[in-house]
Amino acid sequence: MPALDLRRDIITHARAMNASGLNQGTSGNISVRVGKAMLITPSGVAYDKLTPRMIARMSLDGDGAWSGPKKPSSEWRFHLDILCARPDAGAVVHTHATYCTAMSMLRRPLRATHYMIAAFGGPDVRCVDYAPYGTSELSERAVAGLRDRTAVLLGSHGMIVIGRDLDDAMWRAVELETLARQTWTASLAGDPVVLPDDEIMRTVERFKSYGLNADRRKRRQPATGGAASR
């Protein structure tokens, strides 16, 4: 995607996540990998005021250098460290989604009470301990919490999800908040049943041919005159 279109896409998704209730105000942030750099939402700018030029560009070499008229999000450090640590990630989305944040306040990981936990790579989504925003300590905990996973809860803070691209990451952000809301609701009535780890890992494998994954493979393959649907 050309750089200008990608900047516009970041703005569109940032506005959509607030409109949907997935985030509030300017508390969330989005980054997308562009070669050896990343594009990231700026610090403290309302999403409805964003223009493509305001999206900051940062090198992934780790020195904190950036370009643009607005400084990058105060959370740039964990975006950069995650993209460096996870070559499979093309985008990072961070939000203060209500139910994910509530679970993080309680230091409760999301467990396999619903099979959709498999969308995040394993039988749980970890919740790491609190660290101040924008710090290297928070970044280290986020990277560790994402080991073998595509999502993590940050203690008393919110959520982070990663994806191959921005569409993939935003899909996971919606699914993670939905799962947190379902877990919270079920917990009001009792103790939700936790599915076995081996069942979840089988579902992880099945998800490799689900939804956006299958669509991408279909686009990479030549037409054969027939189509399968899920």
C-alpha atoms as a PDB file:
ATOM      1  CA  MET A   1       0.000   0.000   0.000  1.00  0.00           C
ATOM      2  CA  PRO A   2       1.475   3.425  -0.922  1.00  0.00           C
ATOM      3  CA  ALA A   3       2.610   5.472   2.092  1.00  0.00           C
ATOM      4  CA  LEU A   4      -0.133   8.098   1.767  1.00  0.00           C
ATOM      5  CA  ASP A   5      -2.855   5.447   1.562  1.00  0.00           C
ATOM      6  CA  LEU A   6      -1.360   3.671   4.573  1.00  0.00           C
ATOM      7  CA  ARG A   7      -1.411   6.883   6.607  1.00  0.00           C
ATOM      8  CA  ARG A   8      -5.058   7.389   5.672  1.00  0.00           C
ATOM      9  CA  ASP A   9      -5.793   3.790   6.623  1.00  0.00           C
ATOM     10  CA  ILE A  10      -4.273   4.332  10.078  1.00  0.00           C
ATOM     11  CA  ILE A  11      -6.512   7.367  10.603  1.00  0.00           C
ATOM     12  CA  THR A  12      -9.602   5.492   9.412  1.00  0.00           C
ATOM     13  CA  HIS A  13      -8.949   2.633  11.845  1.00  0.00           C
ATOM     14  CA  ALA A  14      -8.142   4.988  14.734  1.00  0.00           C
ATOM     15  CA  ARG A  15     -11.441   6.804  14.265  1.00  0.00           C
ATOM     16  CA  ALA A  16     -13.329   3.522  13.879  1.00  0.00           C
ATOM     17  CA  MET A  17     -11.974   2.056  17.109  1.00  0.00           C
ATOM     18  CA  ASN A  18     -13.207   5.102  19.048  1.00  0.00           C
ATOM     19  CA  ALA A  19     -16.563   5.162  17.284  1.00  0.00           C
ATOM     20  CA  SER A  20     -17.078   1.481  18.154  1.00  0.00           C
ATOM     21  CA  GLY A  21     -16.244   1.988  21.830  1.00  0.00           C
ATOM     22  CA  LEU A  22     -13.039  -0.030  21.557  1.00  0.00           C
ATOM     23  CA  ASN A  23     -11.101   3.000  22.760  1.00  0.00           C
ATOM     24  CA  GLN A  24     -11.725   6.419  24.295  1.00  0.00           C
ATOM     25  CA  GLY A  25     -10.196   9.802  23.476  1.00  0.00           C
ATOM     26  CA  THR A  26      -6.517   9.710  22.549  1.00  0.00           C
ATOM     27  CA  SER A  27      -5.621   6.898  24.961  1.00  0.00           C
ATOM     28  CA  GLY A  28      -4.996   4.309  22.224  1.00  0.00           C
ATOM     29  CA  ASN A  29      -2.369   4.192  19.505  1.00  0.00           C
ATOM     30  CA  ILE A  30      -1.629   2.370  16.264  1.00  0.00           C
ATOM     31  CA  SER A  31       1.594   1.554  14.431  1.00  0.00           C
ATOM     32  CA  VAL A  32       2.299  -0.118  11.104  1.00  0.00           C
ATOM     33  CA  ARG A  33       5.600  -1.509   9.820  1.00  0.00           C
ATOM     34  CA  VAL A  34       6.993   0.142   6.678  1.00  0.00           C
ATOM     35  CA  GLY A  35      10.243  -1.538   5.692  1.00  0.00           C
ATOM     36  CA  LYS A  36      12.823  -0.662   8.357  1.00  0.00           C
ATOM     37  CA  ALA A  37      10.576   1.974   9.904  1.00  0.00           C
ATOM     38  CA  MET A  38       7.111   2.313  11.382  1.00  0.00           C
ATOM     39  CA  LEU A  39       4.283   4.780  10.999  1.00  0.00           C
ATOM     40  CA  ILE A  40       2.602   5.619  14.321  1.00  0.00           C
ATOM     41  CA  THR A  41      -0.208   7.851  15.518  1.00  0.00           C
ATOM     42  CA  PRO A  42       1.011  11.085  17.143  1.00  0.00           C
ATOM     43  CA  SER A  43       0.803  11.998  20.807  1.00  0.00           C
ATOM     44  CA  GLY A  44      -2.263  13.791  22.149  1.00  0.00           C
ATOM     45  CA  VAL A  45      -4.030  14.564  18.860  1.00  0.00           C
ATOM     46  CA  ALA A  46      -7.757  13.825  18.649  1.00  0.00           C
ATOM     47  CA  TYR A  47      -8.393  11.279  15.912  1.00  0.00           C
ATOM     48  CA  ASP A  48     -10.975  13.449  14.187  1.00  0.00           C
ATOM     49  CA  LYS A  49      -8.271  16.126  13.831  1.00  0.00           C
ATOM     50  CA  LEU A  50      -5.640  13.819  12.349  1.00  0.00           C
ATOM     51  CA  THR A  51      -4.293  14.358   8.845  1.00  0.00           C
ATOM     52  CA  PRO A  52      -1.994  11.947   6.977  1.00  0.00           C
ATOM     53  CA  ARG A  53       0.947  14.304   7.413  1.00  0.00           C
ATOM     54  CA  MET A  54       0.593  14.148  11.218  1.00  0.00           C
ATOM     55  CA  ILE A  55       1.330  10.408  11.323  1.00  0.00           C
ATOM     56  CA  ALA A  56       4.884  10.151  12.645  1.00  0.00           C
ATOM     57  CA  ARG A  57       7.554   7.988  11.042  1.00  0.00           C
ATOM     58  CA  MET A  58      10.145   6.282  13.220  1.00  0.00           C
ATOM     59  CA  SER A  59      13.158   4.185  12.369  1.00  0.00           C
ATOM     60  CA  LEU A  60      13.166   0.670  13.834  1.00  0.00           C
ATOM     61  CA  ASP A  61      16.851   0.932  14.706  1.00  0.00           C
ATOM     62  CA  GLY A  62      15.887   1.834  18.271  1.00  0.00           C
ATOM     63  CA  ASP A  63      17.367   5.298  18.705  1.00  0.00           C
ATOM     64  CA  GLY A  64      14.000   7.051  19.035  1.00  0.00           C
ATOM     65  CA  ALA A  65      14.516   9.259  15.977  1.00  0.00           C
ATOM     66  CA  TRP A  66      11.306  10.349  14.245  1.00  0.00           C
ATOM     67  CA  SER A  67      10.092  12.634  11.508  1.00  0.00           C
ATOM     68  CA  GLY A  68       6.880  14.613  11.060  1.00  0.00           C
ATOM     69  CA  PRO A  69       5.197  17.738  12.412  1.00  0.00           C
ATOM     70  CA  LYS A  70       3.870  15.908  15.502  1.00  0.00           C
ATOM     71  CA  LYS A  71       5.824  13.791  17.955  1.00  0.00           C
ATOM     72  CA  PRO A  72       4.935  10.087  18.033  1.00  0.00           C
ATOM     73  CA  SER A  73       2.693   8.493  20.644  1.00  0.00           C
ATOM     74  CA  SER A  74       4.103   8.427  24.163  1.00  0.00           C
ATOM     75  CA  GLU A  75       3.876   4.627  23.842  1.00  0.00           C
ATOM     76  CA  TRP A  76       6.210   4.506  20.826  1.00  0.00           C
ATOM     77  CA  ARG A  77       8.739   2.424  22.739  1.00  0.00           C
ATOM     78  CA  PHE A  78       6.644  -0.734  23.041  1.00  0.00           C
ATOM     79  CA  HIS A  79       5.437  -0.370  19.452  1.00  0.00           C
ATOM     80  CA  LEU A  80       9.044  -0.229  18.268  1.00  0.00           C
ATOM     81  CA  ASP A  81      10.256  -3.052  20.514  1.00  0.00           C
ATOM     82  CA  ILE A  82       7.353  -5.321  19.556  1.00  0.00           C
ATOM     83  CA  LEU A  83       7.915  -4.800  15.823  1.00  0.00           C
ATOM     84  CA  CYS A  84      11.626  -5.484  16.282  1.00  0.00           C
ATOM     85  CA  ALA A  85      11.019  -8.607  18.400  1.00  0.00           C
ATOM     86  CA  ARG A  86       8.214  -9.968  16.216  1.00  0.00           C
ATOM     87  CA  PRO A  87       9.057 -10.070  12.501  1.00  0.00           C
ATOM     88  CA  ASP A  88       5.639 -11.715  11.954  1.00  0.00           C
ATOM     89  CA  ALA A  89       3.914  -8.500  13.094  1.00  0.00           C
ATOM     90  CA  GLY A  90       3.072  -5.817  10.559  1.00  0.00           C
ATOM     91  CA  ALA A  91       0.877  -3.741  12.876  1.00  0.00           C
ATOM     92  CA  VAL A  92       0.386  -3.063  16.588  1.00  0.00           C
ATOM     93  CA  VAL A  93      -2.850  -1.781  18.128  1.00  0.00           C
ATOM     94  CA  HIS A  94      -3.135  -0.556  21.730  1.00  0.00           C
ATOM     95  CA  THR A  95      -6.444   0.466  23.315  1.00  0.00           C
ATOM     96  CA  HIS A  96      -7.988   1.063  26.725  1.00  0.00           C
ATOM     97  CA  ALA A  97     -10.993  -1.101  25.873  1.00  0.00           C
ATOM     98  CA  THR A  98     -13.313  -1.270  28.888  1.00  0.00           C
ATOM     99  CA  TYR A  99     -13.514  -5.007  29.588  1.00  0.00           C
ATOM    100  CA  CYS A 100      -9.887  -5.770  28.727  1.00  0.00           C
ATOM    101  CA  THR A 101      -8.833  -2.920  30.984  1.00  0.00           C
ATOM    102  CA  ALA A 102     -11.110  -4.137  33.796  1.00  0.00           C
ATOM    103  CA  MET A 103      -9.541  -7.601  33.566  1.00  0.00           C
ATOM    104  CA  SER A 104      -6.090  -6.014  33.617  1.00  0.00           C
ATOM    105  CA  MET A 105      -7.005  -4.077  36.783  1.00  0.00           C
ATOM    106  CA  LEU A 106      -7.771  -7.430  38.412  1.00  0.00           C
ATOM    107  CA  ARG A 107      -4.568  -8.972  36.951  1.00  0.00           C
ATOM    108  CA  ARG A 108      -6.678 -11.708  35.392  1.00  0.00           C
ATOM    109  CA  PRO A 109      -5.424 -13.363  32.229  1.00  0.00           C
ATOM    110  CA  LEU A 110      -8.020 -14.398  29.694  1.00  0.00           C
ATOM    111  CA  ARG A 111      -8.322 -18.180  29.782  1.00  0.00           C
ATOM    112  CA  ALA A 112      -9.825 -20.679  27.368  1.00  0.00           C
ATOM    113  CA  THR A 113     -13.439 -20.250  28.457  1.00  0.00           C
ATOM    114  CA  HIS A 114     -14.324 -19.775  24.764  1.00  0.00           C
ATOM    115  CA  TYR A 115     -12.612 -21.353  21.774  1.00  0.00           C
ATOM    116  CA  MET A 116     -11.930 -17.906  20.243  1.00  0.00           C
ATOM    117  CA  ILE A 117      -8.967 -17.650  22.613  1.00  0.00           C
ATOM    118  CA  ALA A 118      -7.213 -19.643  19.873  1.00  0.00           C
ATOM    119  CA  ALA A 119      -7.183 -16.497  17.715  1.00  0.00           C
ATOM    120  CA  PHE A 120      -4.369 -15.269  19.971  1.00  0.00           C
ATOM    121  CA  GLY A 121      -2.052 -18.256  19.554  1.00  0.00           C
ATOM    122  CA  GLY A 122      -2.634 -20.390  22.639  1.00  0.00           C
ATOM    123  CA  PRO A 123      -4.841 -21.319  25.599  1.00  0.00           C
ATOM    124  CA  ASP A 124      -4.605 -17.925  27.309  1.00  0.00           C
ATOM    125  CA  VAL A 125      -3.860 -14.232  26.912  1.00  0.00           C
ATOM    126  CA  ARG A 126      -1.440 -13.215  29.625  1.00  0.00           C
ATOM    127  CA  CYS A 127      -1.790 -10.204  31.909  1.00  0.00           C
ATOM    128  CA  VAL A 128       1.560  -8.650  32.835  1.00  0.00           C
ATOM    129  CA  ASP A 129       2.258  -6.542  35.894  1.00  0.00           C
ATOM    130  CA  TYR A 130       1.899  -2.785  35.865  1.00  0.00           C
ATOM    131  CA  ALA A 131       4.674  -0.463  34.690  1.00  0.00           C
ATOM    132  CA  PRO A 132       4.398   3.283  33.964  1.00  0.00           C
ATOM    133  CA  TYR A 133       3.331   4.208  30.444  1.00  0.00           C
ATOM    134  CA  GLY A 134       6.040   5.031  27.932  1.00  0.00           C
ATOM    135  CA  THR A 135       8.797   3.281  29.895  1.00  0.00           C
ATOM    136  CA  SER A 136      11.268   0.621  28.854  1.00  0.00           C
ATOM    137  CA  GLU A 137       9.971  -1.488  31.765  1.00  0.00           C
ATOM    138  CA  LEU A 138       6.471  -1.526  30.275  1.00  0.00           C
ATOM    139  CA  SER A 139       7.903  -2.337  26.862  1.00  0.00           C
ATOM    140  CA  GLU A 140       9.895  -5.286  28.218  1.00  0.00           C
ATOM    141  CA  ARG A 141       6.815  -6.670  29.948  1.00  0.00           C
ATOM    142  CA  ALA A 142       4.683  -6.258  26.825  1.00  0.00           C
ATOM    143  CA  VAL A 143       7.212  -8.091  24.639  1.00  0.00           C
ATOM    144  CA  ALA A 144       7.497 -10.910  27.192  1.00  0.00           C
ATOM    145  CA  GLY A 145       3.712 -11.191  27.506  1.00  0.00           C
ATOM    146  CA  LEU A 146       3.397 -11.509  23.736  1.00  0.00           C
ATOM    147  CA  ARG A 147       5.740 -14.509  23.565  1.00  0.00           C
ATOM    148  CA  ASP A 148       3.973 -17.096  21.347  1.00  0.00           C
ATOM    149  CA  ARG A 149       0.847 -14.926  21.467  1.00  0.00           C
ATOM    150  CA  THR A 150      -0.746 -12.148  19.444  1.00  0.00           C
ATOM    151  CA  ALA A 151      -2.268 -10.277  22.395  1.00  0.00           C
ATOM    152  CA  VAL A 152      -1.423  -9.247  25.946  1.00  0.00           C
ATOM    153  CA  LEU A 153      -3.143  -7.361  28.765  1.00  0.00           C
ATOM    154  CA  LEU A 154      -1.100  -4.642  30.466  1.00  0.00           C
ATOM    155  CA  GLY A 155      -1.677  -4.458  34.217  1.00  0.00           C
ATOM    156  CA  SER A 156      -4.010  -1.559  35.140  1.00  0.00           C
ATOM    157  CA  HIS A 157      -3.671  -0.193  31.647  1.00  0.00           C
ATOM    158  CA  GLY A 158      -5.274  -1.919  28.634  1.00  0.00           C
ATOM    159  CA  MET A 159      -4.578  -4.277  25.762  1.00  0.00           C
ATOM    160  CA  ILE A 160      -2.072  -4.752  22.957  1.00  0.00           C
ATOM    161  CA  VAL A 161      -2.701  -6.876  19.875  1.00  0.00           C
ATOM    162  CA  ILE A 162      -0.527  -7.545  16.849  1.00  0.00           C
ATOM    163  CA  GLY A 163      -1.355  -8.681  13.331  1.00  0.00           C
ATOM    164  CA  ARG A 164       0.229  -9.291   9.960  1.00  0.00           C
ATOM    165  CA  ASP A 165      -1.317  -5.998   8.865  1.00  0.00           C
ATOM    166  CA  LEU A 166      -3.659  -3.387  10.279  1.00  0.00           C
ATOM    167  CA  ASP A 167      -6.857  -5.186   9.268  1.00  0.00           C
ATOM    168  CA  ASP A 168      -5.630  -8.338  11.002  1.00  0.00           C
ATOM    169  CA  ALA A 169      -4.643  -6.465  14.173  1.00  0.00           C
ATOM    170  CA  MET A 170      -7.938  -4.568  14.370  1.00  0.00           C
ATOM    171  CA  TRP A 171      -9.895  -7.794  13.922  1.00  0.00           C
ATOM    172  CA  ARG A 172      -8.015  -9.251  16.877  1.00  0.00           C
ATOM    173  CA  ALA A 173      -8.617  -6.139  18.985  1.00  0.00           C
ATOM    174  CA  VAL A 174     -12.378  -6.500  18.493  1.00  0.00           C
ATOM    175  CA  GLU A 175     -12.262 -10.235  19.245  1.00  0.00           C
ATOM    176  CA  LEU A 176     -10.164  -9.709  22.381  1.00  0.00           C
ATOM    177  CA  GLU A 177     -12.541  -7.132  23.846  1.00  0.00           C
ATOM    178  CA  THR A 178     -15.506  -9.377  22.975  1.00  0.00           C
ATOM    179  CA  LEU A 179     -13.845 -12.300  24.742  1.00  0.00           C
ATOM    180  CA  ALA A 180     -13.106 -10.161  27.800  1.00  0.00           C
ATOM    181  CA  ARG A 181     -16.734  -8.981  27.914  1.00  0.00           C
ATOM    182  CA  GLN A 182     -18.036 -12.554  27.595  1.00  0.00           C
ATOM    183  CA  THR A 183     -15.689 -13.757  30.340  1.00  0.00           C
ATOM    184  CA  TRP A 184     -16.727 -10.919  32.641  1.00  0.00           C
ATOM    185  CA  THR A 185     -20.436 -11.566  32.025  1.00  0.00           C
ATOM    186  CA  ALA A 186     -20.175 -15.317  32.563  1.00  0.00           C
ATOM    187  CA  SER A 187     -18.179 -14.771  35.761  1.00  0.00           C
ATOM    188  CA  LEU A 188     -21.110 -12.865  37.259  1.00  0.00           C
ATOM    189  CA  ALA A 189     -23.119 -16.097  37.217  1.00  0.00           C
ATOM    190  CA  GLY A 190     -20.386 -18.523  38.271  1.00  0.00           C
ATOM    191  CA  ASP A 191     -17.029 -19.979  37.251  1.00  0.00           C
ATOM    192  CA  PRO A 192     -16.757 -20.358  33.457  1.00  0.00           C
ATOM    193  CA  VAL A 193     -15.581 -23.766  32.259  1.00  0.00           C
ATOM    194  CA  VAL A 194     -12.022 -23.742  30.895  1.00  0.00           C
ATOM    195  CA  LEU A 195     -11.485 -25.798  27.737  1.00  0.00           C
ATOM    196  CA  PRO A 196      -8.525 -28.232  27.585  1.00  0.00           C
ATOM    197  CA  ASP A 197      -5.218 -26.934  26.238  1.00  0.00           C
ATOM    198  CA  ASP A 198      -4.997 -29.625  23.556  1.00  0.00           C
ATOM    199  CA  GLU A 199      -8.412 -28.672  22.185  1.00  0.00           C
ATOM    200  CA  ILE A 200      -7.363 -25.027  21.970  1.00  0.00           C
ATOM    201  CA  MET A 201      -4.098 -25.887  20.212  1.00  0.00           C
ATOM    202  CA  ARG A 202      -6.042 -27.899  17.627  1.00  0.00           C
ATOM    203  CA  THR A 203      -8.219 -24.839  17.105  1.00  0.00           C
ATOM    204  CA  VAL A 204      -5.094 -22.667  16.731  1.00  0.00           C
ATOM    205  CA  GLU A 205      -4.105 -24.873  13.783  1.00  0.00           C
ATOM    206  CA  ARG A 206      -7.598 -24.696  12.278  1.00  0.00           C
ATOM    207  CA  PHE A 207      -7.544 -20.900  12.517  1.00  0.00           C
ATOM    208  CA  LYS A 208      -4.620 -20.800  10.108  1.00  0.00           C
ATOM    209  CA  SER A 209      -7.142 -21.376   7.310  1.00  0.00           C
ATOM    210  CA  TYR A 210      -9.888 -19.163   8.764  1.00  0.00           C
ATOM    211  CA  GLY A 211     -11.153 -15.773   7.600  1.00  0.00           C
ATOM    212  CA  LEU A 212      -8.471 -13.269   6.630  1.00  0.00           C
ATOM    213  CA  ASN A 213      -5.851 -16.018   6.503  1.00  0.00           C
ATOM    214  CA  ALA A 214      -7.808 -17.989   3.909  1.00  0.00           C
ATOM    215  CA  ASP A 215      -8.599 -14.840   1.935  1.00  0.00           C
ATOM    216  CA  ARG A 216      -4.912 -13.944   1.694  1.00  0.00           C
ATOM    217  CA  ARG A 217      -3.954 -17.407   0.478  1.00  0.00           C
ATOM    218  CA  LYS A 218      -6.742 -17.307  -2.088  1.00  0.00           C
ATOM    219  CA  ARG A 219      -5.411 -14.015  -3.475  1.00  0.00           C
ATOM    220  CA  ARG A 220      -1.921 -15.479  -3.749  1.00  0.00           C
ATOM    221  CA  GLN A 221      -3.132 -18.516  -5.684  1.00  0.00           C
ATOM    222  CA  PRO A 222      -4.108 -18.532  -9.379  1.00  0.00           C
ATOM    223  CA  ALA A 223      -7.792 -18.919 -10.187  1.00  0.00           C
ATOM    224  CA  THR A 224      -8.844 -22.534 -10.690  1.00  0.00           C
ATOM    225  CA  GLY A 225     -12.447 -22.059 -11.701  1.00  0.00           C
ATOM    226  CA  GLY A 226     -13.833 -23.087  -8.314  1.00  0.00           C
ATOM    227  CA  ALA A 227     -14.029 -21.555  -4.862  1.00  0.00           C
ATOM    228  CA  ALA A 228     -14.383 -22.851  -1.370  1.00  0.00           C
ATOM    229  CA  SER A 229     -15.967 -20.846   1.394  1.00  0.00           C
ATOM    230  CA  ARG A 230     -15.849 -20.932   5.146  1.00  0.00           C
END
